[in-house]
Every structure is written in structure tokens, then in C-alpha cells.
Amino acid sequence: MFVPLAGERAETFMAWHPARDRQAVRNLRDVAAELAATIDLTEAG
């Protein structure tokens, strides 16, 4: 997972192979989506 911070934008990129679909990857994706909806990462120091 990569979260570049620039100005007032924070984009999150995730990549994985579709044949390697694991519950841990789905959980990580869900946590990242929840954080993106609730926390403004651009305010972090």
C-alpha cells in the first residue's frame, strides 16, 4: 500500500494478483477504505 501526500490530496493505491485473493488482503482493503472515509491524512504532520 502506498499513500503519497501532496498538498490537500492523499491517494491510496493497492495492487495484488487476483488469483491470490486472501481474506487478509480484503481486510486491509476494508480498513484502508474506512480510514479514507473518516480520517484526513493531509492534516498529519
PDB file of N, CA and C in Angstrom:
ATOM      1  N   MET A   1       0.848  -1.151   0.000  1.00  0.00           N
ATOM      2  CA  MET A   1       0.000   0.000   0.000  1.00  0.00           C
ATOM      3  C   MET A   1       0.900   1.222   0.000  1.00  0.00           C
ATOM      4  N   PHE A   2       0.521   2.229  -0.795  1.00  0.00           N
ATOM      5  CA  PHE A   2       1.288   3.459  -0.926  1.00  0.00           C
ATOM      6  C   PHE A   2       0.337   4.626  -0.805  1.00  0.00           C
ATOM      7  N   VAL A   3       0.637   5.559   0.100  1.00  0.00           N
ATOM      8  CA  VAL A   3      -0.221   6.728   0.301  1.00  0.00           C
ATOM      9  C   VAL A   3       0.643   7.978   0.147  1.00  0.00           C
ATOM     10  N   PRO A   4       0.738   8.532  -1.084  1.00  0.00           N
ATOM     11  CA  PRO A   4       1.509   9.765  -1.260  1.00  0.00           C
ATOM     12  C   PRO A   4       0.712  10.959  -0.746  1.00  0.00           C
ATOM     13  N   LEU A   5       1.373  11.845  -0.022  1.00  0.00           N
ATOM     14  CA  LEU A   5       0.717  13.044   0.485  1.00  0.00           C
ATOM     15  C   LEU A   5       1.267  14.241  -0.281  1.00  0.00           C
ATOM     16  N   ALA A   6       0.379  14.984  -0.914  1.00  0.00           N
ATOM     17  CA  ALA A   6       0.786  16.164  -1.661  1.00  0.00           C
ATOM     18  C   ALA A   6      -0.318  17.204  -1.565  1.00  0.00           C
ATOM     19  N   GLY A   7       0.007  18.332  -0.964  1.00  0.00           N
ATOM     20  CA  GLY A   7      -0.989  19.391  -0.853  1.00  0.00           C
ATOM     21  C   GLY A   7      -2.185  18.923  -0.051  1.00  0.00           C
ATOM     22  N   GLU A   8      -3.360  19.030  -0.627  1.00  0.00           N
ATOM     23  CA  GLU A   8      -4.582  18.649   0.070  1.00  0.00           C
ATOM     24  C   GLU A   8      -5.164  17.337  -0.430  1.00  0.00           C
ATOM     25  N   ARG A   9      -4.355  16.543  -1.093  1.00  0.00           N
ATOM     26  CA  ARG A   9      -4.819  15.253  -1.602  1.00  0.00           C
ATOM     27  C   ARG A   9      -4.003  14.122  -1.012  1.00  0.00           C
ATOM     28  N   ALA A  10      -4.661  13.038  -0.728  1.00  0.00           N
ATOM     29  CA  ALA A  10      -3.988  11.817  -0.291  1.00  0.00           C
ATOM     30  C   ALA A  10      -4.645  10.669  -1.044  1.00  0.00           C
ATOM     31  N   GLU A  11      -3.917  10.085  -1.973  1.00  0.00           N
ATOM     32  CA  GLU A  11      -4.452   8.973  -2.750  1.00  0.00           C
ATOM     33  C   GLU A  11      -3.848   7.673  -2.240  1.00  0.00           C
ATOM     34  N   THR A  12      -4.645   6.629  -2.216  1.00  0.00           N
ATOM     35  CA  THR A  12      -4.178   5.317  -1.769  1.00  0.00           C
ATOM     36  C   THR A  12      -4.221   4.350  -2.940  1.00  0.00           C
ATOM     37  N   PHE A  13      -3.134   3.632  -3.131  1.00  0.00           N
ATOM     38  CA  PHE A  13      -3.050   2.660  -4.208  1.00  0.00           C
ATOM     39  C   PHE A  13      -2.762   1.296  -3.618  1.00  0.00           C
ATOM     40  N   MET A  14      -3.526   0.305  -4.033  1.00  0.00           N
ATOM     41  CA  MET A  14      -3.283  -1.087  -3.653  1.00  0.00           C
ATOM     42  C   MET A  14      -3.272  -1.923  -4.919  1.00  0.00           C
ATOM     43  N   ALA A  15      -2.380  -2.878  -4.960  1.00  0.00           N
ATOM     44  CA  ALA A  15      -2.331  -3.784  -6.104  1.00  0.00           C
ATOM     45  C   ALA A  15      -2.030  -5.192  -5.600  1.00  0.00           C
ATOM     46  N   TRP A  16      -2.716  -6.156  -6.169  1.00  0.00           N
ATOM     47  CA  TRP A  16      -2.441  -7.550  -5.842  1.00  0.00           C
ATOM     48  C   TRP A  16      -2.921  -8.412  -6.995  1.00  0.00           C
ATOM     49  N   HIS A  17      -2.450  -9.594  -7.035  1.00  0.00           N
ATOM     50  CA  HIS A  17      -2.811 -10.523  -8.110  1.00  0.00           C
ATOM     51  C   HIS A  17      -4.167 -11.131  -7.791  1.00  0.00           C
ATOM     52  N   PRO A  18      -5.116 -11.100  -8.737  1.00  0.00           N
ATOM     53  CA  PRO A  18      -6.463 -11.607  -8.467  1.00  0.00           C
ATOM     54  C   PRO A  18      -6.500 -13.087  -8.055  1.00  0.00           C
ATOM     55  N   ALA A  19      -5.537 -13.862  -8.504  1.00  0.00           N
ATOM     56  CA  ALA A  19      -5.510 -15.279  -8.145  1.00  0.00           C
ATOM     57  C   ALA A  19      -5.056 -15.480  -6.697  1.00  0.00           C
ATOM     58  N   ARG A  20      -4.510 -14.433  -6.079  1.00  0.00           N
ATOM     59  CA  ARG A  20      -4.018 -14.528  -4.702  1.00  0.00           C
ATOM     60  C   ARG A  20      -4.979 -13.805  -3.751  1.00  0.00           C
ATOM     61  N   ASP A  21      -6.247 -13.979  -3.979  1.00  0.00           N
ATOM     62  CA  ASP A  21      -7.273 -13.321  -3.173  1.00  0.00           C
ATOM     63  C   ASP A  21      -7.352 -13.979  -1.806  1.00  0.00           C
ATOM     64  N   ARG A  22      -6.920 -13.260  -0.802  1.00  0.00           N
ATOM     65  CA  ARG A  22      -6.901 -13.792   0.569  1.00  0.00           C
ATOM     66  C   ARG A  22      -7.711 -12.884   1.484  1.00  0.00           C
ATOM     67  N   GLN A  23      -8.211 -13.430   2.551  1.00  0.00           N
ATOM     68  CA  GLN A  23      -9.010 -12.656   3.492  1.00  0.00           C
ATOM     69  C   GLN A  23      -8.212 -11.491   4.072  1.00  0.00           C
ATOM     70  N   ALA A  24      -6.932 -11.684   4.328  1.00  0.00           N
ATOM     71  CA  ALA A  24      -6.108 -10.614   4.893  1.00  0.00           C
ATOM     72  C   ALA A  24      -6.042  -9.412   3.953  1.00  0.00           C
ATOM     73  N   VAL A  25      -5.954  -9.653   2.661  1.00  0.00           N
ATOM     74  CA  VAL A  25      -5.918  -8.564   1.680  1.00  0.00           C
ATOM     75  C   VAL A  25      -7.262  -7.842   1.655  1.00  0.00           C
ATOM     76  N   ARG A  26      -8.341  -8.590   1.694  1.00  0.00           N
ATOM     77  CA  ARG A  26      -9.673  -7.963   1.720  1.00  0.00           C
ATOM     78  C   ARG A  26      -9.850  -7.146   2.993  1.00  0.00           C
ATOM     79  N   ASN A  27      -9.366  -7.655   4.127  1.00  0.00           N
ATOM     80  CA  ASN A  27      -9.455  -6.910   5.387  1.00  0.00           C
ATOM     81  C   ASN A  27      -8.646  -5.615   5.316  1.00  0.00           C
ATOM     82  N   LEU A  28      -7.444  -5.675   4.763  1.00  0.00           N
ATOM     83  CA  LEU A  28      -6.613  -4.490   4.621  1.00  0.00           C
ATOM     84  C   LEU A  28      -7.302  -3.459   3.727  1.00  0.00           C
ATOM     85  N   ARG A  29      -7.886  -3.915   2.638  1.00  0.00           N
ATOM     86  CA  ARG A  29      -8.617  -3.020   1.730  1.00  0.00           C
ATOM     87  C   ARG A  29      -9.779  -2.352   2.457  1.00  0.00           C
ATOM     88  N   ASP A  30     -10.498  -3.116   3.266  1.00  0.00           N
ATOM     89  CA  ASP A  30     -11.637  -2.561   4.004  1.00  0.00           C
ATOM     90  C   ASP A  30     -11.192  -1.524   5.035  1.00  0.00           C
ATOM     91  N   VAL A  31     -10.079  -1.805   5.734  1.00  0.00           N
ATOM     92  CA  VAL A  31      -9.561  -0.855   6.720  1.00  0.00           C
ATOM     93  C   VAL A  31      -9.112   0.427   6.015  1.00  0.00           C
ATOM     94  N   ALA A  32      -8.420   0.294   4.908  1.00  0.00           N
ATOM     95  CA  ALA A  32      -7.966   1.467   4.164  1.00  0.00           C
ATOM     96  C   ALA A  32      -9.146   2.303   3.682  1.00  0.00           C
ATOM     97  N   ALA A  33     -10.196   1.659   3.202  1.00  0.00           N
ATOM     98  CA  ALA A  33     -11.387   2.382   2.740  1.00  0.00           C
ATOM     99  C   ALA A  33     -12.064   3.101   3.902  1.00  0.00           C
ATOM    100  N   GLU A  34     -12.122   2.453   5.065  1.00  0.00           N
ATOM    101  CA  GLU A  34     -12.739   3.079   6.234  1.00  0.00           C
ATOM    102  C   GLU A  34     -11.926   4.283   6.710  1.00  0.00           C
ATOM    103  N   LEU A  35     -10.602   4.132   6.743  1.00  0.00           N
ATOM    104  CA  LEU A  35      -9.752   5.250   7.136  1.00  0.00           C
ATOM    105  C   LEU A  35      -9.872   6.412   6.157  1.00  0.00           C
ATOM    106  N   ALA A  36      -9.934   6.097   4.883  1.00  0.00           N
ATOM    107  CA  ALA A  36     -10.048   7.141   3.865  1.00  0.00           C
ATOM    108  C   ALA A  36     -11.340   7.937   4.031  1.00  0.00           C
ATOM    109  N   ALA A  37     -12.370   7.276   4.491  1.00  0.00           N
ATOM    110  CA  ALA A  37     -13.665   7.941   4.654  1.00  0.00           C
ATOM    111  C   ALA A  37     -13.754   8.731   5.960  1.00  0.00           C
ATOM    112  N   THR A  38     -12.893   8.425   6.936  1.00  0.00           N
ATOM    113  CA  THR A  38     -13.062   9.028   8.257  1.00  0.00           C
ATOM    114  C   THR A  38     -11.897   9.891   8.721  1.00  0.00           C
ATOM    115  N   ILE A  39     -10.717   9.749   8.124  1.00  0.00           N
ATOM    116  CA  ILE A  39      -9.538  10.467   8.610  1.00  0.00           C
ATOM    117  C   ILE A  39      -8.936  11.289   7.477  1.00  0.00           C
ATOM    118  N   ASP A  40      -8.617  12.551   7.774  1.00  0.00           N
ATOM    119  CA  ASP A  40      -7.966  13.414   6.801  1.00  0.00           C
ATOM    120  C   ASP A  40      -6.456  13.278   6.972  1.00  0.00           C
ATOM    121  N   LEU A  41      -5.823  12.463   6.131  1.00  0.00           N
ATOM    122  CA  LEU A  41      -4.393  12.205   6.250  1.00  0.00           C
ATOM    123  C   LEU A  41      -3.544  13.419   5.915  1.00  0.00           C
ATOM    124  N   THR A  42      -4.105  14.384   5.205  1.00  0.00           N
ATOM    125  CA  THR A  42      -3.327  15.573   4.852  1.00  0.00           C
ATOM    126  C   THR A  42      -3.079  16.473   6.065  1.00  0.00           C
ATOM    127  N   GLU A  43      -3.804  16.262   7.153  1.00  0.00           N
ATOM    128  CA  GLU A  43      -3.587  17.054   8.368  1.00  0.00           C
ATOM    129  C   GLU A  43      -2.481  16.474   9.234  1.00  0.00           C
ATOM    130  N   ALA A  44      -2.021  15.263   8.915  1.00  0.00           N
ATOM    131  CA  ALA A  44      -0.959  14.633   9.699  1.00  0.00           C
ATOM    132  C   ALA A  44       0.355  15.355   9.423  1.00  0.00           C
ATOM    133  N   GLY A  45       1.158  15.537  10.459  1.00  0.00           N
ATOM    134  CA  GLY A  45       2.371  16.258  10.492  1.00  0.00           C
ATOM    135  C   GLY A  45       3.330  16.203   9.411  1.00  0.00           C
TER     136      GLY A  45
END
